[in-house]
Protein backbone atom coordinates (compact mmCIF):
# COMPACT_ATOMS: atom_id res chain seq x y z
CA UNK A 1 30.25 -32.96 23.50
CA UNK A 2 30.81 -31.16 20.28
CA UNK A 3 29.04 -33.83 18.38
CA UNK A 4 25.98 -33.61 20.68
CA UNK A 5 25.65 -29.86 20.22
CA UNK A 6 26.15 -30.23 16.50
CA UNK A 7 23.35 -32.83 16.42
CA UNK A 8 21.09 -30.50 18.35
CA UNK A 9 21.91 -27.66 15.99
CA UNK A 10 20.97 -29.91 13.02
CA UNK A 11 17.70 -30.85 14.68
CA UNK A 12 16.86 -27.19 15.29
CA UNK A 13 17.60 -26.29 11.67
CA UNK A 14 15.51 -29.16 10.36
CA UNK A 15 12.64 -28.10 12.62
CA UNK A 16 12.94 -24.48 11.38
CA UNK A 17 12.87 -25.71 7.78
CA UNK A 18 9.85 -27.82 8.42
CA UNK A 19 8.04 -24.97 10.07
CA UNK A 20 8.77 -22.73 6.95
CA UNK A 21 7.41 -25.50 4.61
CA UNK A 22 4.21 -25.83 6.73
CA UNK A 23 3.83 -22.03 6.69
CA UNK A 24 4.33 -21.90 2.88
CA UNK A 25 1.75 -24.65 2.46
CA UNK A 26 -0.82 -22.83 4.60
CA UNK A 27 -0.33 -19.69 2.59
CA UNK A 28 -0.83 -21.57 -0.69
CA UNK A 29 -3.96 -23.25 0.69
CA UNK A 30 -5.37 -19.86 1.72
CA UNK A 31 -4.63 -18.38 -1.69
CA UNK A 32 -6.38 -21.30 -3.37
CA UNK A 33 -9.39 -21.02 -1.04
CA UNK A 34 -9.68 -17.34 -1.76
CA UNK A 35 -9.46 -17.89 -5.49
CA UNK A 36 -12.08 -20.66 -5.42
CA UNK A 37 -14.42 -18.43 -3.42
CA UNK A 38 -13.99 -15.58 -5.98
CA UNK A 39 -14.69 -18.03 -8.83
CA UNK A 40 -17.65 -19.50 -7.08
CA UNK A 41 -19.13 -16.04 -6.41
CA UNK A 42 -18.65 -15.07 -10.07
CA UNK A 43 -20.32 -18.34 -11.09
CA UNK A 44 -23.27 -17.66 -8.74
CA UNK A 45 -23.72 -14.13 -10.14
CA UNK A 46 -23.75 -15.48 -13.66
CA UNK A 47 -26.38 -18.13 -12.77
CA UNK A 48 -28.46 -15.48 -11.01
CA UNK A 49 -28.34 -13.24 -13.96
CA UNK A 50 -29.33 -16.08 -16.25
CA UNK A 51 -32.27 -17.00 -14.11
CA UNK A 52 -33.29 -13.43 -13.76
CA UNK A 53 -33.14 -12.94 -17.55
CA UNK A 54 -35.30 -16.03 -18.00
CA UNK A 55 -37.77 -14.80 -15.47
CA UNK A 56 -37.88 -11.26 -17.09
CA UNK A 57 -38.51 -12.88 -20.46
CA UNK A 58 -41.40 -14.95 -19.09
CA UNK A 59 -42.79 -11.91 -17.27
CA UNK A 60 -42.63 -9.86 -20.38
CA UNK A 61 -44.35 -12.59 -22.35
CA UNK A 62 -47.04 -12.83 -19.66
CA UNK A 63 -47.67 -9.10 -19.37
CA UNK A 64 -47.04 -8.14 -22.88
CA UNK A 65 -45.11 -5.07 -23.72
CA UNK A 66 -45.80 -2.24 -21.29
CA UNK A 67 -43.34 0.28 -22.77
CA UNK A 68 -40.75 1.59 -20.48
CA UNK A 69 -40.81 -1.24 -17.88
CA UNK A 70 -39.30 -3.79 -20.28
CA UNK A 71 -36.66 -1.44 -21.59
CA UNK A 72 -35.65 -0.48 -18.03
CA UNK A 73 -35.47 -4.15 -17.07
CA UNK A 74 -33.26 -4.89 -20.06
CA UNK A 75 -30.88 -2.02 -19.27
CA UNK A 76 -30.72 -3.20 -15.62
CA UNK A 77 -30.02 -6.75 -16.77
CA UNK A 78 -27.29 -5.63 -19.16
CA UNK A 79 -25.68 -3.60 -16.49
CA UNK A 80 -25.68 -6.47 -14.04
CA UNK A 81 -24.14 -8.77 -16.75
CA UNK A 82 -21.41 -6.27 -17.42
CA UNK A 83 -20.61 -5.95 -13.65
CA UNK A 84 -20.53 -9.66 -13.30
CA UNK A 85 -18.14 -10.11 -16.33
CA UNK A 86 -15.97 -7.26 -15.02
CA UNK A 87 -15.85 -8.82 -11.51
CA UNK A 88 -15.02 -12.18 -13.02
CA UNK A 89 -12.21 -10.63 -15.07
CA UNK A 90 -10.78 -8.54 -12.26
CA UNK A 91 -11.57 -10.72 -9.25
CA UNK A 92 -12.96 -9.26 -6.09
CA UNK A 93 -10.26 -6.73 -5.25
CA UNK A 94 -12.77 -4.07 -4.43
CA UNK A 95 -15.01 -3.84 -1.45
CA UNK A 96 -17.91 -6.17 -1.83
CA UNK A 97 -20.13 -4.51 0.72
CA UNK A 98 -20.01 -1.17 -1.03
CA UNK A 99 -20.94 -2.85 -4.29
CA UNK A 100 -23.83 -4.66 -2.64
CA UNK A 101 -25.06 -1.42 -0.98
CA UNK A 102 -24.83 0.37 -4.26
CA UNK A 103 -26.87 -2.33 -6.11
CA UNK A 104 -29.42 -2.31 -3.28
CA UNK A 105 -29.86 1.51 -3.51
CA UNK A 106 -30.32 1.25 -7.30
CA UNK A 107 -32.92 -1.52 -6.96
CA UNK A 108 -34.69 0.45 -4.25
CA UNK A 109 -34.97 3.56 -6.41
CA UNK A 110 -36.26 1.51 -9.33
CA UNK A 111 -38.81 -0.17 -7.08
CA UNK A 112 -39.96 3.14 -5.71
CA UNK A 113 -40.50 4.64 -9.14
CA UNK A 114 -42.57 1.54 -10.17
CA UNK A 115 -44.50 1.95 -7.00
CA UNK A 116 -45.26 5.64 -7.68
CA UNK A 117 -46.19 4.91 -11.27
CA UNK A 118 -48.62 2.13 -10.53
CA UNK A 119 -50.03 2.86 -7.14
CA UNK A 120 -53.17 4.66 -8.31
CA UNK A 121 -53.97 2.11 -10.83
CA UNK A 122 -53.60 -0.79 -8.46
CA UNK A 123 -55.72 0.94 -5.82
CA UNK A 124 -58.47 1.64 -8.34
CA UNK A 125 -58.52 -2.05 -9.51
CA UNK A 126 -58.47 -3.29 -5.97
CA UNK A 127 -61.30 -1.09 -4.91
CA UNK A 128 -63.28 -2.05 -8.04
CA UNK A 129 -62.90 -5.73 -7.31
CA UNK A 130 -63.81 -5.41 -3.66
CA UNK A 131 -66.61 -2.84 -3.92
CA UNK A 132 -68.29 -3.54 -7.23
CA UNK A 133 -70.06 -6.79 -6.39
CA UNK A 134 -72.53 -8.30 -8.89
CA UNK A 135 -74.62 -10.98 -7.12
CA UNK A 136 -75.56 -13.70 -9.54
CA UNK A 137 -77.24 -17.09 -9.10
CA UNK A 138 -74.80 -19.87 -9.72
CA UNK A 139 -75.52 -21.71 -13.09
CA UNK A 140 -75.79 -25.08 -11.38
CA UNK A 141 -78.48 -23.78 -9.06
CA UNK A 142 -80.45 -22.33 -12.01
CA UNK A 143 -80.36 -25.57 -13.83
CA UNK A 144 -81.47 -27.78 -10.91
CA UNK A 145 -83.76 -25.27 -9.24
């Protein structure tokens, strides 16, 4: 009888050790997944910043230098790069949603200022294109007619 209870005790202890090992493995897996997600997010942000920088450069080349717009865009891009590098160095220990909301608010204020600055000019150009119609005979019709 004593040997049977001793065998049962050994089985229970082995089962307990196995459960602890499984628990530790799950914790390690969760830590690795979290770290991989943080690294992937940092990599995505870097890629987005790179693409945005390329886009801004092409946009600036196409539009020419319009003074304050290009300098504001450069400042914004530098701030984003700094935030991305900081996030990559520190990891995402802060609240991501508050950072996203803050960046969204900043972008909204910048877009609203651009809108206010350019609204009248855009309306004037649009009205000029729509209302100032100059009827002309097409050159192909003049040649053949």
